[in-house]
């Protein structure tokens, strides 16, 4: 209800239908608890993607075919972009927590 699966990142992300201040205190508390649970899984997701990047970099270092090298580089770039986006979502909690304490 408050979250939806981001297919690319493979995590639930907030999907709020109204402004934060329009939710009751109980709803806000529930959303924050759920987000903290989801957020706690983000570092594991990042580590898994880093492992995939390392595997692809190892393949790239031995690849002699130009087109295959380009494909591997593109895949590595996409994975790195996903990691960046996951770190952004991981840091989102700080913004929400700051609002809660105001």
PDB file of N, CA and C in Angstrom:
ATOM      1  N   UNK A   1       0.823  -1.189   0.000  1.00  0.00           N
ATOM      2  CA  UNK A   1       0.000   0.000   0.000  1.00  0.00           C
ATOM      3  C   UNK A   1       0.871   1.259   0.000  1.00  0.00           C
ATOM      4  N   UNK A   2       1.926   1.259   0.796  1.00  0.00           N
ATOM      5  CA  UNK A   2       2.797   2.425   0.878  1.00  0.00           C
ATOM      6  C   UNK A   2       4.095   2.248   0.098  1.00  0.00           C
ATOM      7  N   UNK A   3       4.303   1.044  -0.423  1.00  0.00           N
ATOM      8  CA  UNK A   3       5.536   0.722  -1.136  1.00  0.00           C
ATOM      9  C   UNK A   3       5.210  -0.074  -2.386  1.00  0.00           C
ATOM     10  N   UNK A   4       6.111  -0.002  -3.357  1.00  0.00           N
ATOM     11  CA  UNK A   4       5.969  -0.836  -4.549  1.00  0.00           C
ATOM     12  C   UNK A   4       7.343  -1.334  -4.955  1.00  0.00           C
ATOM     13  N   UNK A   5       7.360  -2.496  -5.582  1.00  0.00           N
ATOM     14  CA  UNK A   5       8.609  -3.105  -5.997  1.00  0.00           C
ATOM     15  C   UNK A   5       9.191  -2.353  -7.187  1.00  0.00           C
ATOM     16  N   UNK A   6      10.426  -1.950  -7.057  1.00  0.00           N
ATOM     17  CA  UNK A   6      11.169  -1.393  -8.181  1.00  0.00           C
ATOM     18  C   UNK A   6      11.851  -2.580  -8.855  1.00  0.00           C
ATOM     19  N   UNK A   7      11.389  -2.919 -10.031  1.00  0.00           N
ATOM     20  CA  UNK A   7      11.884  -4.109 -10.736  1.00  0.00           C
ATOM     21  C   UNK A   7      13.380  -4.012 -11.004  1.00  0.00           C
ATOM     22  N   UNK A   8      13.846  -2.848 -11.348  1.00  0.00           N
ATOM     23  CA  UNK A   8      15.263  -2.667 -11.664  1.00  0.00           C
ATOM     24  C   UNK A   8      16.145  -2.867 -10.438  1.00  0.00           C
ATOM     25  N   UNK A   9      15.756  -2.260  -9.320  1.00  0.00           N
ATOM     26  CA  UNK A   9      16.564  -2.317  -8.109  1.00  0.00           C
ATOM     27  C   UNK A   9      16.278  -3.551  -7.263  1.00  0.00           C
ATOM     28  N   UNK A  10      15.126  -4.175  -7.500  1.00  0.00           N
ATOM     29  CA  UNK A  10      14.694  -5.355  -6.743  1.00  0.00           C
ATOM     30  C   UNK A  10      14.537  -5.082  -5.250  1.00  0.00           C
ATOM     31  N   UNK A  11      13.999  -3.887  -4.945  1.00  0.00           N
ATOM     32  CA  UNK A  11      13.623  -3.545  -3.572  1.00  0.00           C
ATOM     33  C   UNK A  11      12.292  -2.808  -3.625  1.00  0.00           C
ATOM     34  N   UNK A  12      11.602  -2.812  -2.499  1.00  0.00           N
ATOM     35  CA  UNK A  12      10.383  -2.022  -2.362  1.00  0.00           C
ATOM     36  C   UNK A  12      10.803  -0.573  -2.113  1.00  0.00           C
ATOM     37  N   UNK A  13      10.161   0.345  -2.800  1.00  0.00           N
ATOM     38  CA  UNK A  13      10.451   1.759  -2.581  1.00  0.00           C
ATOM     39  C   UNK A  13       9.161   2.466  -2.187  1.00  0.00           C
ATOM     40  N   UNK A  14       9.275   3.581  -1.473  1.00  0.00           N
ATOM     41  CA  UNK A  14       8.061   4.295  -1.061  1.00  0.00           C
ATOM     42  C   UNK A  14       7.220   4.715  -2.258  1.00  0.00           C
ATOM     43  N   UNK A  15       5.936   4.539  -2.106  1.00  0.00           N
ATOM     44  CA  UNK A  15       4.968   4.941  -3.119  1.00  0.00           C
ATOM     45  C   UNK A  15       3.789   5.564  -2.363  1.00  0.00           C
ATOM     46  N   UNK A  16       3.981   6.811  -1.965  1.00  0.00           N
ATOM     47  CA  UNK A  16       2.997   7.483  -1.123  1.00  0.00           C
ATOM     48  C   UNK A  16       2.010   8.258  -1.978  1.00  0.00           C
ATOM     49  N   UNK A  17       0.738   8.072  -1.696  1.00  0.00           N
ATOM     50  CA  UNK A  17      -0.329   8.674  -2.479  1.00  0.00           C
ATOM     51  C   UNK A  17      -0.593  10.130  -2.089  1.00  0.00           C
ATOM     52  N   UNK A  18      -0.097  10.526  -0.924  1.00  0.00           N
ATOM     53  CA  UNK A  18      -0.331  11.898  -0.478  1.00  0.00           C
ATOM     54  C   UNK A  18       0.918  12.429   0.210  1.00  0.00           C
ATOM     55  N   UNK A  19       0.915  13.715   0.513  1.00  0.00           N
ATOM     56  CA  UNK A  19       2.047  14.330   1.186  1.00  0.00           C
ATOM     57  C   UNK A  19       2.241  13.706   2.560  1.00  0.00           C
ATOM     58  N   UNK A  20       3.484  13.675   3.000  1.00  0.00           N
ATOM     59  CA  UNK A  20       3.840  13.052   4.270  1.00  0.00           C
ATOM     60  C   UNK A  20       3.003  13.579   5.427  1.00  0.00           C
ATOM     61  N   UNK A  21       2.810  14.888   5.474  1.00  0.00           N
ATOM     62  CA  UNK A  21       2.071  15.507   6.578  1.00  0.00           C
ATOM     63  C   UNK A  21       0.590  15.148   6.591  1.00  0.00           C
ATOM     64  N   UNK A  22       0.082  14.610   5.512  1.00  0.00           N
ATOM     65  CA  UNK A  22      -1.324  14.227   5.435  1.00  0.00           C
ATOM     66  C   UNK A  22      -1.597  12.852   6.052  1.00  0.00           C
ATOM     67  N   UNK A  23      -0.528  12.114   6.344  1.00  0.00           N
ATOM     68  CA  UNK A  23      -0.698  10.814   6.990  1.00  0.00           C
ATOM     69  C   UNK A  23      -0.794  11.009   8.503  1.00  0.00           C
ATOM     70  N   UNK A  24      -1.589  10.179   9.137  1.00  0.00           N
ATOM     71  CA  UNK A  24      -1.703  10.233  10.605  1.00  0.00           C
ATOM     72  C   UNK A  24      -0.374   9.842  11.230  1.00  0.00           C
ATOM     73  N   UNK A  25      -0.222  10.148  12.494  1.00  0.00           N
ATOM     74  CA  UNK A  25       1.003   9.777  13.205  1.00  0.00           C
ATOM     75  C   UNK A  25       1.208   8.266  13.182  1.00  0.00           C
ATOM     76  N   UNK A  26       0.119   7.521  13.319  1.00  0.00           N
ATOM     77  CA  UNK A  26       0.207   6.057  13.304  1.00  0.00           C
ATOM     78  C   UNK A  26       0.668   5.562  11.925  1.00  0.00           C
ATOM     79  N   UNK A  27       0.114   6.145  10.872  1.00  0.00           N
ATOM     80  CA  UNK A  27       0.525   5.757   9.520  1.00  0.00           C
ATOM     81  C   UNK A  27       1.993   6.100   9.286  1.00  0.00           C
ATOM     82  N   UNK A  28       2.392   7.278   9.704  1.00  0.00           N
ATOM     83  CA  UNK A  28       3.787   7.680   9.542  1.00  0.00           C
ATOM     84  C   UNK A  28       4.713   6.712  10.268  1.00  0.00           C
ATOM     85  N   UNK A  29       4.332   6.348  11.472  1.00  0.00           N
ATOM     86  CA  UNK A  29       5.146   5.425  12.264  1.00  0.00           C
ATOM     87  C   UNK A  29       5.245   4.072  11.565  1.00  0.00           C
ATOM     88  N   UNK A  30       4.127   3.576  11.039  1.00  0.00           N
ATOM     89  CA  UNK A  30       4.108   2.303  10.322  1.00  0.00           C
ATOM     90  C   UNK A  30       4.996   2.374   9.079  1.00  0.00           C
ATOM     91  N   UNK A  31       4.849   3.443   8.322  1.00  0.00           N
ATOM     92  CA  UNK A  31       5.645   3.619   7.103  1.00  0.00           C
ATOM     93  C   UNK A  31       7.133   3.649   7.438  1.00  0.00           C
ATOM     94  N   UNK A  32       7.489   4.377   8.487  1.00  0.00           N
ATOM     95  CA  UNK A  32       8.895   4.457   8.888  1.00  0.00           C
ATOM     96  C   UNK A  32       9.440   3.098   9.328  1.00  0.00           C
ATOM     97  N   UNK A  33       8.638   2.339  10.058  1.00  0.00           N
ATOM     98  CA  UNK A  33       9.071   1.005  10.479  1.00  0.00           C
ATOM     99  C   UNK A  33       9.267   0.081   9.282  1.00  0.00           C
ATOM    100  N   UNK A  34       8.319   0.138   8.356  1.00  0.00           N
ATOM    101  CA  UNK A  34       8.434  -0.679   7.149  1.00  0.00           C
ATOM    102  C   UNK A  34       9.663  -0.263   6.341  1.00  0.00           C
ATOM    103  N   UNK A  35       9.851   1.045   6.185  1.00  0.00           N
ATOM    104  CA  UNK A  35      10.979   1.529   5.400  1.00  0.00           C
ATOM    105  C   UNK A  35      12.306   1.128   6.054  1.00  0.00           C
ATOM    106  N   UNK A  36      12.369   1.198   7.376  1.00  0.00           N
ATOM    107  CA  UNK A  36      13.599   0.826   8.061  1.00  0.00           C
ATOM    108  C   UNK A  36      13.920  -0.643   7.814  1.00  0.00           C
ATOM    109  N   UNK A  37      12.909  -1.485   7.771  1.00  0.00           N
ATOM    110  CA  UNK A  37      13.107  -2.896   7.472  1.00  0.00           C
ATOM    111  C   UNK A  37      13.618  -3.084   6.040  1.00  0.00           C
ATOM    112  N   UNK A  38      13.004  -2.404   5.105  1.00  0.00           N
ATOM    113  CA  UNK A  38      13.418  -2.480   3.701  1.00  0.00           C
ATOM    114  C   UNK A  38      14.824  -1.908   3.546  1.00  0.00           C
ATOM    115  N   UNK A  39      15.039  -0.765   4.148  1.00  0.00           N
ATOM    116  CA  UNK A  39      16.312  -0.056   4.057  1.00  0.00           C
ATOM    117  C   UNK A  39      17.463  -0.918   4.583  1.00  0.00           C
ATOM    118  N   UNK A  40      17.191  -1.701   5.600  1.00  0.00           N
ATOM    119  CA  UNK A  40      18.216  -2.560   6.170  1.00  0.00           C
ATOM    120  C   UNK A  40      18.722  -3.627   5.214  1.00  0.00           C
ATOM    121  N   UNK A  41      17.947  -3.934   4.185  1.00  0.00           N
ATOM    122  CA  UNK A  41      18.336  -4.943   3.201  1.00  0.00           C
ATOM    123  C   UNK A  41      19.137  -4.360   2.038  1.00  0.00           C
ATOM    124  N   UNK A  42      19.164  -3.044   1.932  1.00  0.00           N
ATOM    125  CA  UNK A  42      19.835  -2.400   0.798  1.00  0.00           C
ATOM    126  C   UNK A  42      21.331  -2.708   0.750  1.00  0.00           C
ATOM    127  N   UNK A  43      22.070  -2.630   1.862  1.00  0.00           N
ATOM    128  CA  UNK A  43      23.506  -2.957   1.765  1.00  0.00           C
ATOM    129  C   UNK A  43      23.768  -4.370   1.237  1.00  0.00           C
ATOM    130  N   UNK A  44      22.941  -5.340   1.611  1.00  0.00           N
ATOM    131  CA  UNK A  44      23.110  -6.702   1.089  1.00  0.00           C
ATOM    132  C   UNK A  44      22.899  -6.731  -0.420  1.00  0.00           C
ATOM    133  N   UNK A  45      21.916  -5.982  -0.885  1.00  0.00           N
ATOM    134  CA  UNK A  45      21.650  -5.910  -2.331  1.00  0.00           C
ATOM    135  C   UNK A  45      22.844  -5.281  -3.046  1.00  0.00           C
ATOM    136  N   UNK A  46      23.415  -4.234  -2.440  1.00  0.00           N
ATOM    137  CA  UNK A  46      24.579  -3.569  -3.034  1.00  0.00           C
ATOM    138  C   UNK A  46      25.767  -4.526  -3.100  1.00  0.00           C
ATOM    139  N   UNK A  47      26.019  -5.261  -2.030  1.00  0.00           N
ATOM    140  CA  UNK A  47      27.131  -6.219  -2.023  1.00  0.00           C
ATOM    141  C   UNK A  47      26.945  -7.285  -3.094  1.00  0.00           C
ATOM    142  N   UNK A  48      25.713  -7.747  -3.281  1.00  0.00           N
ATOM    143  CA  UNK A  48      25.440  -8.756  -4.313  1.00  0.00           C
ATOM    144  C   UNK A  48      25.732  -8.196  -5.704  1.00  0.00           C
ATOM    145  N   UNK A  49      25.341  -6.947  -5.938  1.00  0.00           N
ATOM    146  CA  UNK A  49      25.616  -6.325  -7.232  1.00  0.00           C
ATOM    147  C   UNK A  49      27.106  -6.101  -7.433  1.00  0.00           C
ATOM    148  N   UNK A  50      27.816  -5.751  -6.363  1.00  0.00           N
ATOM    149  CA  UNK A  50      29.269  -5.584  -6.461  1.00  0.00           C
ATOM    150  C   UNK A  50      29.946  -6.895  -6.824  1.00  0.00           C
ATOM    151  N   UNK A  51      29.447  -8.004  -6.294  1.00  0.00           N
ATOM    152  CA  UNK A  51      29.991  -9.319  -6.659  1.00  0.00           C
ATOM    153  C   UNK A  51      29.801  -9.592  -8.145  1.00  0.00           C
ATOM    154  N   UNK A  52      28.632  -9.244  -8.663  1.00  0.00           N
ATOM    155  CA  UNK A  52      28.359  -9.438 -10.093  1.00  0.00           C
ATOM    156  C   UNK A  52      29.293  -8.568 -10.923  1.00  0.00           C
ATOM    157  N   UNK A  53      29.488  -7.322 -10.486  1.00  0.00           N
ATOM    158  CA  UNK A  53      30.412  -6.428 -11.196  1.00  0.00           C
ATOM    159  C   UNK A  53      31.814  -7.032 -11.219  1.00  0.00           C
ATOM    160  N   UNK A  54      32.263  -7.543 -10.090  1.00  0.00           N
ATOM    161  CA  UNK A  54      33.607  -8.139 -10.021  1.00  0.00           C
ATOM    162  C   UNK A  54      33.743  -9.314 -10.973  1.00  0.00           C
ATOM    163  N   UNK A  55      32.695 -10.135 -11.069  1.00  0.00           N
ATOM    164  CA  UNK A  55      32.718 -11.262 -12.002  1.00  0.00           C
ATOM    165  C   UNK A  55      32.807 -10.774 -13.442  1.00  0.00           C
ATOM    166  N   UNK A  56      32.020  -9.749 -13.765  1.00  0.00           N
ATOM    167  CA  UNK A  56      32.020  -9.219 -15.130  1.00  0.00           C
ATOM    168  C   UNK A  56      33.352  -8.535 -15.451  1.00  0.00           C
ATOM    169  N   UNK A  57      33.953  -7.867 -14.475  1.00  0.00           N
ATOM    170  CA  UNK A  57      35.260  -7.249 -14.701  1.00  0.00           C
ATOM    171  C   UNK A  57      36.329  -8.299 -14.942  1.00  0.00           C
ATOM    172  N   UNK A  58      36.221  -9.420 -14.245  1.00  0.00           N
ATOM    173  CA  UNK A  58      37.174 -10.510 -14.467  1.00  0.00           C
ATOM    174  C   UNK A  58      37.023 -11.065 -15.885  1.00  0.00           C
ATOM    175  N   UNK A  59      35.795 -11.221 -16.324  1.00  0.00           N
ATOM    176  CA  UNK A  59      35.560 -11.684 -17.694  1.00  0.00           C
ATOM    177  C   UNK A  59      36.084 -10.654 -18.695  1.00  0.00           C
ATOM    178  N   UNK A  60      35.864  -9.388 -18.391  1.00  0.00           N
ATOM    179  CA  UNK A  60      36.284  -8.309 -19.290  1.00  0.00           C
ATOM    180  C   UNK A  60      37.800  -8.289 -19.462  1.00  0.00           C
ATOM    181  N   UNK A  61      38.521  -8.560 -18.393  1.00  0.00           N
ATOM    182  CA  UNK A  61      39.983  -8.509 -18.481  1.00  0.00           C
ATOM    183  C   UNK A  61      40.548  -9.599 -19.398  1.00  0.00           C
ATOM    184  N   UNK A  62      39.765 -10.654 -19.627  1.00  0.00           N
ATOM    185  CA  UNK A  62      40.205 -11.740 -20.507  1.00  0.00           C
ATOM    186  C   UNK A  62      39.501 -11.743 -21.858  1.00  0.00           C
ATOM    187  N   UNK A  63      38.596 -10.796 -22.058  1.00  0.00           N
ATOM    188  CA  UNK A  63      37.791 -10.781 -23.292  1.00  0.00           C
ATOM    189  C   UNK A  63      38.586 -10.167 -24.436  1.00  0.00           C
ATOM    190  N   UNK A  64      38.593 -10.865 -25.572  1.00  0.00           N
ATOM    191  CA  UNK A  64      39.309 -10.365 -26.752  1.00  0.00           C
ATOM    192  C   UNK A  64      38.352  -9.860 -27.827  1.00  0.00           C
ATOM    193  N   UNK A  65      37.096 -10.237 -27.737  1.00  0.00           N
ATOM    194  CA  UNK A  65      36.107  -9.801 -28.719  1.00  0.00           C
ATOM    195  C   UNK A  65      35.596  -8.409 -28.352  1.00  0.00           C
ATOM    196  N   UNK A  66      35.725  -7.479 -29.297  1.00  0.00           N
ATOM    197  CA  UNK A  66      35.358  -6.083 -29.037  1.00  0.00           C
ATOM    198  C   UNK A  66      33.889  -5.941 -28.659  1.00  0.00           C
ATOM    199  N   UNK A  67      33.003  -6.573 -29.402  1.00  0.00           N
ATOM    200  CA  UNK A  67      31.563  -6.443 -29.128  1.00  0.00           C
ATOM    201  C   UNK A  67      31.195  -7.042 -27.763  1.00  0.00           C
ATOM    202  N   UNK A  68      31.806  -8.153 -27.432  1.00  0.00           N
ATOM    203  CA  UNK A  68      31.555  -8.753 -26.118  1.00  0.00           C
ATOM    204  C   UNK A  68      32.081  -7.829 -25.013  1.00  0.00           C
ATOM    205  N   UNK A  69      33.223  -7.180 -25.256  1.00  0.00           N
ATOM    206  CA  UNK A  69      33.771  -6.219 -24.287  1.00  0.00           C
ATOM    207  C   UNK A  69      32.819  -5.044 -24.091  1.00  0.00           C
ATOM    208  N   UNK A  70      32.263  -4.564 -25.178  1.00  0.00           N
ATOM    209  CA  UNK A  70      31.304  -3.453 -25.095  1.00  0.00           C
ATOM    210  C   UNK A  70      30.073  -3.858 -24.295  1.00  0.00           C
ATOM    211  N   UNK A  71      29.601  -5.072 -24.519  1.00  0.00           N
ATOM    212  CA  UNK A  71      28.440  -5.575 -23.782  1.00  0.00           C
ATOM    213  C   UNK A  71      28.752  -5.667 -22.296  1.00  0.00           C
ATOM    214  N   UNK A  72      29.895  -6.222 -21.956  1.00  0.00           N
ATOM    215  CA  UNK A  72      30.288  -6.326 -20.551  1.00  0.00           C
ATOM    216  C   UNK A  72      30.426  -4.943 -19.910  1.00  0.00           C
ATOM    217  N   UNK A  73      31.033  -4.002 -20.628  1.00  0.00           N
ATOM    218  CA  UNK A  73      31.157  -2.635 -20.107  1.00  0.00           C
ATOM    219  C   UNK A  73      29.802  -2.010 -19.854  1.00  0.00           C
ATOM    220  N   UNK A  74      28.875  -2.230 -20.750  1.00  0.00           N
ATOM    221  CA  UNK A  74      27.526  -1.693 -20.600  1.00  0.00           C
ATOM    222  C   UNK A  74      26.830  -2.310 -19.392  1.00  0.00           C
ATOM    223  N   UNK A  75      26.971  -3.613 -19.231  1.00  0.00           N
ATOM    224  CA  UNK A  75      26.364  -4.308 -18.088  1.00  0.00           C
ATOM    225  C   UNK A  75      26.961  -3.805 -16.770  1.00  0.00           C
ATOM    226  N   UNK A  76      28.264  -3.614 -16.742  1.00  0.00           N
ATOM    227  CA  UNK A  76      28.932  -3.099 -15.541  1.00  0.00           C
ATOM    228  C   UNK A  76      28.437  -1.696 -15.230  1.00  0.00           C
ATOM    229  N   UNK A  77      28.290  -0.892 -16.248  1.00  0.00           N
ATOM    230  CA  UNK A  77      27.787   0.472 -16.058  1.00  0.00           C
ATOM    231  C   UNK A  77      26.369   0.468 -15.506  1.00  0.00           C
ATOM    232  N   UNK A  78      25.522  -0.407 -16.028  1.00  0.00           N
ATOM    233  CA  UNK A  78      24.147  -0.511 -15.535  1.00  0.00           C
ATOM    234  C   UNK A  78      24.114  -0.939 -14.068  1.00  0.00           C
ATOM    235  N   UNK A  79      24.956  -1.886 -13.714  1.00  0.00           N
ATOM    236  CA  UNK A  79      25.013  -2.353 -12.327  1.00  0.00           C
ATOM    237  C   UNK A  79      25.520  -1.247 -11.399  1.00  0.00           C
ATOM    238  N   UNK A  80      26.512  -0.502 -11.860  1.00  0.00           N
ATOM    239  CA  UNK A  80      27.037   0.606 -11.052  1.00  0.00           C
ATOM    240  C   UNK A  80      25.966   1.678 -10.856  1.00  0.00           C
ATOM    241  N   UNK A  81      25.170   1.919 -11.873  1.00  0.00           N
ATOM    242  CA  UNK A  81      24.069   2.877 -11.762  1.00  0.00           C
ATOM    243  C   UNK A  81      23.038   2.401 -10.739  1.00  0.00           C
ATOM    244  N   UNK A  82      22.773   1.102 -10.735  1.00  0.00           N
ATOM    245  CA  UNK A  82      21.845   0.542  -9.756  1.00  0.00           C
ATOM    246  C   UNK A  82      22.382   0.726  -8.340  1.00  0.00           C
ATOM    247  N   UNK A  83      23.672   0.501  -8.166  1.00  0.00           N
ATOM    248  CA  UNK A  83      24.285   0.685  -6.848  1.00  0.00           C
ATOM    249  C   UNK A  83      24.145   2.131  -6.403  1.00  0.00           C
ATOM    250  N   UNK A  84      24.401   3.059  -7.305  1.00  0.00           N
ATOM    251  CA  UNK A  84      24.250   4.476  -6.977  1.00  0.00           C
ATOM    252  C   UNK A  84      22.820   4.784  -6.540  1.00  0.00           C
ATOM    253  N   UNK A  85      21.849   4.281  -7.282  1.00  0.00           N
ATOM    254  CA  UNK A  85      20.445   4.517  -6.933  1.00  0.00           C
ATOM    255  C   UNK A  85      20.089   3.883  -5.586  1.00  0.00           C
ATOM    256  N   UNK A  86      20.623   2.714  -5.318  1.00  0.00           N
ATOM    257  CA  UNK A  86      20.366   2.064  -4.028  1.00  0.00           C
ATOM    258  C   UNK A  86      20.938   2.885  -2.876  1.00  0.00           C
ATOM    259  N   UNK A  87      22.135   3.451  -3.064  1.00  0.00           N
ATOM    260  CA  UNK A  87      22.698   4.309  -2.011  1.00  0.00           C
ATOM    261  C   UNK A  87      21.826   5.538  -1.795  1.00  0.00           C
ATOM    262  N   UNK A  88      21.276   6.085  -2.868  1.00  0.00           N
ATOM    263  CA  UNK A  88      20.375   7.238  -2.723  1.00  0.00           C
ATOM    264  C   UNK A  88      19.146   6.858  -1.907  1.00  0.00           C
ATOM    265  N   UNK A  89      18.566   5.706  -2.200  1.00  0.00           N
ATOM    266  CA  UNK A  89      17.406   5.252  -1.425  1.00  0.00           C
ATOM    267  C   UNK A  89      17.793   4.957   0.022  1.00  0.00           C
ATOM    268  N   UNK A  90      18.976   4.421   0.215  1.00  0.00           N
ATOM    269  CA  UNK A  90      19.435   4.116   1.569  1.00  0.00           C
ATOM    270  C   UNK A  90      19.518   5.398   2.401  1.00  0.00           C
ATOM    271  N   UNK A  91      19.947   6.471   1.782  1.00  0.00           N
ATOM    272  CA  UNK A  91      20.087   7.748   2.492  1.00  0.00           C
ATOM    273  C   UNK A  91      18.757   8.481   2.646  1.00  0.00           C
ATOM    274  N   UNK A  92      17.720   8.051   1.980  1.00  0.00           N
ATOM    275  CA  UNK A  92      16.407   8.694   2.062  1.00  0.00           C
ATOM    276  C   UNK A  92      15.888   8.702   3.488  1.00  0.00           C
ATOM    277  N   UNK A  93      16.207   7.691   4.261  1.00  0.00           N
ATOM    278  CA  UNK A  93      15.737   7.600   5.633  1.00  0.00           C
ATOM    279  C   UNK A  93      16.121   8.819   6.453  1.00  0.00           C
ATOM    280  N   UNK A  94      17.276   9.380   6.197  1.00  0.00           N
ATOM    281  CA  UNK A  94      17.729  10.549   6.951  1.00  0.00           C
ATOM    282  C   UNK A  94      16.764  11.710   6.757  1.00  0.00           C
ATOM    283  N   UNK A  95      16.304  11.928   5.534  1.00  0.00           N
ATOM    284  CA  UNK A  95      15.373  13.020   5.251  1.00  0.00           C
ATOM    285  C   UNK A  95      14.047  12.808   5.968  1.00  0.00           C
ATOM    286  N   UNK A  96      13.545  11.591   5.942  1.00  0.00           N
ATOM    287  CA  UNK A  96      12.260  11.303   6.576  1.00  0.00           C
ATOM    288  C   UNK A  96      12.380  11.443   8.091  1.00  0.00           C
ATOM    289  N   UNK A  97      13.470  10.947   8.654  1.00  0.00           N
ATOM    290  CA  UNK A  97      13.664  11.036  10.097  1.00  0.00           C
ATOM    291  C   UNK A  97      13.762  12.489  10.539  1.00  0.00           C
ATOM    292  N   UNK A  98      14.409  13.319   9.754  1.00  0.00           N
ATOM    293  CA  UNK A  98      14.518  14.739  10.086  1.00  0.00           C
ATOM    294  C   UNK A  98      13.133  15.381  10.139  1.00  0.00           C
ATOM    295  N   UNK A  99      12.270  15.037   9.199  1.00  0.00           N
ATOM    296  CA  UNK A  99      10.917  15.587   9.187  1.00  0.00           C
ATOM    297  C   UNK A  99      10.135  15.134  10.421  1.00  0.00           C
ATOM    298  N   UNK A 100      10.356  13.917  10.831  1.00  0.00           N
ATOM    299  CA  UNK A 100       9.624  13.364  11.957  1.00  0.00           C
ATOM    300  C   UNK A 100       9.988  14.107  13.245  1.00  0.00           C
ATOM    301  N   UNK A 101      11.206  14.586  13.351  1.00  0.00           N
ATOM    302  CA  UNK A 101      11.647  15.257  14.572  1.00  0.00           C
ATOM    303  C   UNK A 101      11.339  16.747  14.599  1.00  0.00           C
ATOM    304  N   UNK A 102      10.822  17.280  13.515  1.00  0.00           N
ATOM    305  CA  UNK A 102      10.505  18.714  13.473  1.00  0.00           C
ATOM    306  C   UNK A 102       9.266  19.043  14.279  1.00  0.00           C
TER     307      UNK A 102
END
